[in-house]
Amino acid sequence: MPNPNLSVKDVARKIGKSEWGIYLALKAGLLPGYKLPSGVWRFDEGEIDSWLASCRKSGRTARLPEVNP
């Protein structure tokens, strides 16, 4: 069963990007996620898996922000 509460760190590991890149992608509206009242971002694993599948089909994963730590 997919995890409904992935963190930014979890998503960064899953898609192979930096945490900062995830925040930039969220700001640009490129990733499906939701912000808790505390300001912490969370992600539904099923939505991230669907998003990844659609990106791979269209080649969009390369358009996520690249950040060098």
C-alpha atoms as a PDB file:
ATOM      1  CA  MET A   1       0.000   0.000   0.000  1.00  0.00           C
ATOM      2  CA  PRO A   2       1.426   3.433  -0.923  1.00  0.00           C
ATOM      3  CA  ASN A   3       2.517   5.714   1.893  1.00  0.00           C
ATOM      4  CA  PRO A   4       0.352   8.864   2.092  1.00  0.00           C
ATOM      5  CA  ASN A   5       2.953  10.819   4.045  1.00  0.00           C
ATOM      6  CA  LEU A   6       6.246  10.962   2.173  1.00  0.00           C
ATOM      7  CA  SER A   7       8.591  13.779   3.184  1.00  0.00           C
ATOM      8  CA  VAL A   8      10.614  16.036   0.911  1.00  0.00           C
ATOM      9  CA  LYS A   9      13.654  13.877   1.707  1.00  0.00           C
ATOM     10  CA  ASP A  10      11.749  10.700   0.745  1.00  0.00           C
ATOM     11  CA  VAL A  11      10.655  12.180  -2.592  1.00  0.00           C
ATOM     12  CA  ALA A  12      14.165  13.492  -3.317  1.00  0.00           C
ATOM     13  CA  ARG A  13      15.572   9.989  -2.835  1.00  0.00           C
ATOM     14  CA  LYS A  14      12.788   8.406  -4.869  1.00  0.00           C
ATOM     15  CA  ILE A  15      13.295  10.612  -7.921  1.00  0.00           C
ATOM     16  CA  GLY A  16      17.040  11.208  -7.576  1.00  0.00           C
ATOM     17  CA  LYS A  17      17.002  14.969  -7.022  1.00  0.00           C
ATOM     18  CA  SER A  18      18.188  17.189  -4.186  1.00  0.00           C
ATOM     19  CA  GLU A  19      15.808  18.318  -1.446  1.00  0.00           C
ATOM     20  CA  TRP A  20      16.279  21.901  -2.597  1.00  0.00           C
ATOM     21  CA  GLY A  21      15.335  20.825  -6.122  1.00  0.00           C
ATOM     22  CA  ILE A  22      12.113  19.362  -4.712  1.00  0.00           C
ATOM     23  CA  TYR A  23      11.287  22.675  -3.018  1.00  0.00           C
ATOM     24  CA  LEU A  24      11.962  24.542  -6.265  1.00  0.00           C
ATOM     25  CA  ALA A  25       9.752  22.106  -8.180  1.00  0.00           C
ATOM     26  CA  LEU A  26       6.976  22.613  -5.614  1.00  0.00           C
ATOM     27  CA  LYS A  27       7.271  26.384  -5.938  1.00  0.00           C
ATOM     28  CA  ALA A  28       7.004  26.034  -9.727  1.00  0.00           C
ATOM     29  CA  GLY A  29       3.957  23.764  -9.392  1.00  0.00           C
ATOM     30  CA  LEU A  30       5.705  20.785 -10.974  1.00  0.00           C
ATOM     31  CA  LEU A  31       5.123  18.233  -8.197  1.00  0.00           C
ATOM     32  CA  PRO A  32       1.908  17.021  -6.541  1.00  0.00           C
ATOM     33  CA  GLY A  33       2.176  17.703  -2.818  1.00  0.00           C
ATOM     34  CA  TYR A  34       0.410  19.368   0.061  1.00  0.00           C
ATOM     35  CA  LYS A  35       1.567  21.658   2.820  1.00  0.00           C
ATOM     36  CA  LEU A  36       0.588  20.974   6.417  1.00  0.00           C
ATOM     37  CA  PRO A  37      -0.435  23.860   8.718  1.00  0.00           C
ATOM     38  CA  SER A  38       3.017  23.559  10.299  1.00  0.00           C
ATOM     39  CA  GLY A  39       4.575  24.444   6.910  1.00  0.00           C
ATOM     40  CA  VAL A  40       5.947  20.943   6.259  1.00  0.00           C
ATOM     41  CA  TRP A  41       5.397  19.475   2.801  1.00  0.00           C
ATOM     42  CA  ARG A  42       4.012  15.954   2.402  1.00  0.00           C
ATOM     43  CA  PHE A  43       3.370  13.751  -0.607  1.00  0.00           C
ATOM     44  CA  ASP A  44       1.169  10.775  -1.378  1.00  0.00           C
ATOM     45  CA  GLU A  45       3.355   7.982  -2.728  1.00  0.00           C
ATOM     46  CA  GLY A  46       0.673   6.870  -5.192  1.00  0.00           C
ATOM     47  CA  GLU A  47       0.469  10.391  -6.639  1.00  0.00           C
ATOM     48  CA  ILE A  48       4.264  10.615  -6.892  1.00  0.00           C
ATOM     49  CA  ASP A  49       4.398   7.201  -8.620  1.00  0.00           C
ATOM     50  CA  SER A  50       1.712   8.308 -11.106  1.00  0.00           C
ATOM     51  CA  TRP A  51       3.498  11.615 -11.659  1.00  0.00           C
ATOM     52  CA  LEU A  52       6.800   9.786 -12.289  1.00  0.00           C
ATOM     53  CA  ALA A  53       5.152   7.428 -14.778  1.00  0.00           C
ATOM     54  CA  SER A  54       3.628  10.320 -16.727  1.00  0.00           C
ATOM     55  CA  CYS A  55       6.924  12.221 -16.671  1.00  0.00           C
ATOM     56  CA  ARG A  56       8.869   9.248 -17.987  1.00  0.00           C
ATOM     57  CA  LYS A  57       6.410   8.878 -20.865  1.00  0.00           C
ATOM     58  CA  SER A  58       6.722  12.545 -21.796  1.00  0.00           C
ATOM     59  CA  GLY A  59      10.374  13.129 -20.843  1.00  0.00           C
ATOM     60  CA  ARG A  60       9.484  15.799 -18.248  1.00  0.00           C
ATOM     61  CA  THR A  61      11.726  14.531 -15.432  1.00  0.00           C
ATOM     62  CA  ALA A  62      14.668  16.361 -16.988  1.00  0.00           C
ATOM     63  CA  ARG A  63      12.827  19.652 -16.504  1.00  0.00           C
ATOM     64  CA  LEU A  64      12.919  19.519 -12.711  1.00  0.00           C
ATOM     65  CA  PRO A  65      15.212  22.155 -11.262  1.00  0.00           C
ATOM     66  CA  GLU A  66      18.832  21.116 -10.949  1.00  0.00           C
ATOM     67  CA  VAL A  67      20.645  22.340  -7.880  1.00  0.00           C
ATOM     68  CA  ASN A  68      24.255  21.684  -6.991  1.00  0.00           C
ATOM     69  CA  PRO A  69      24.651  21.355  -3.216  1.00  0.00           C
END
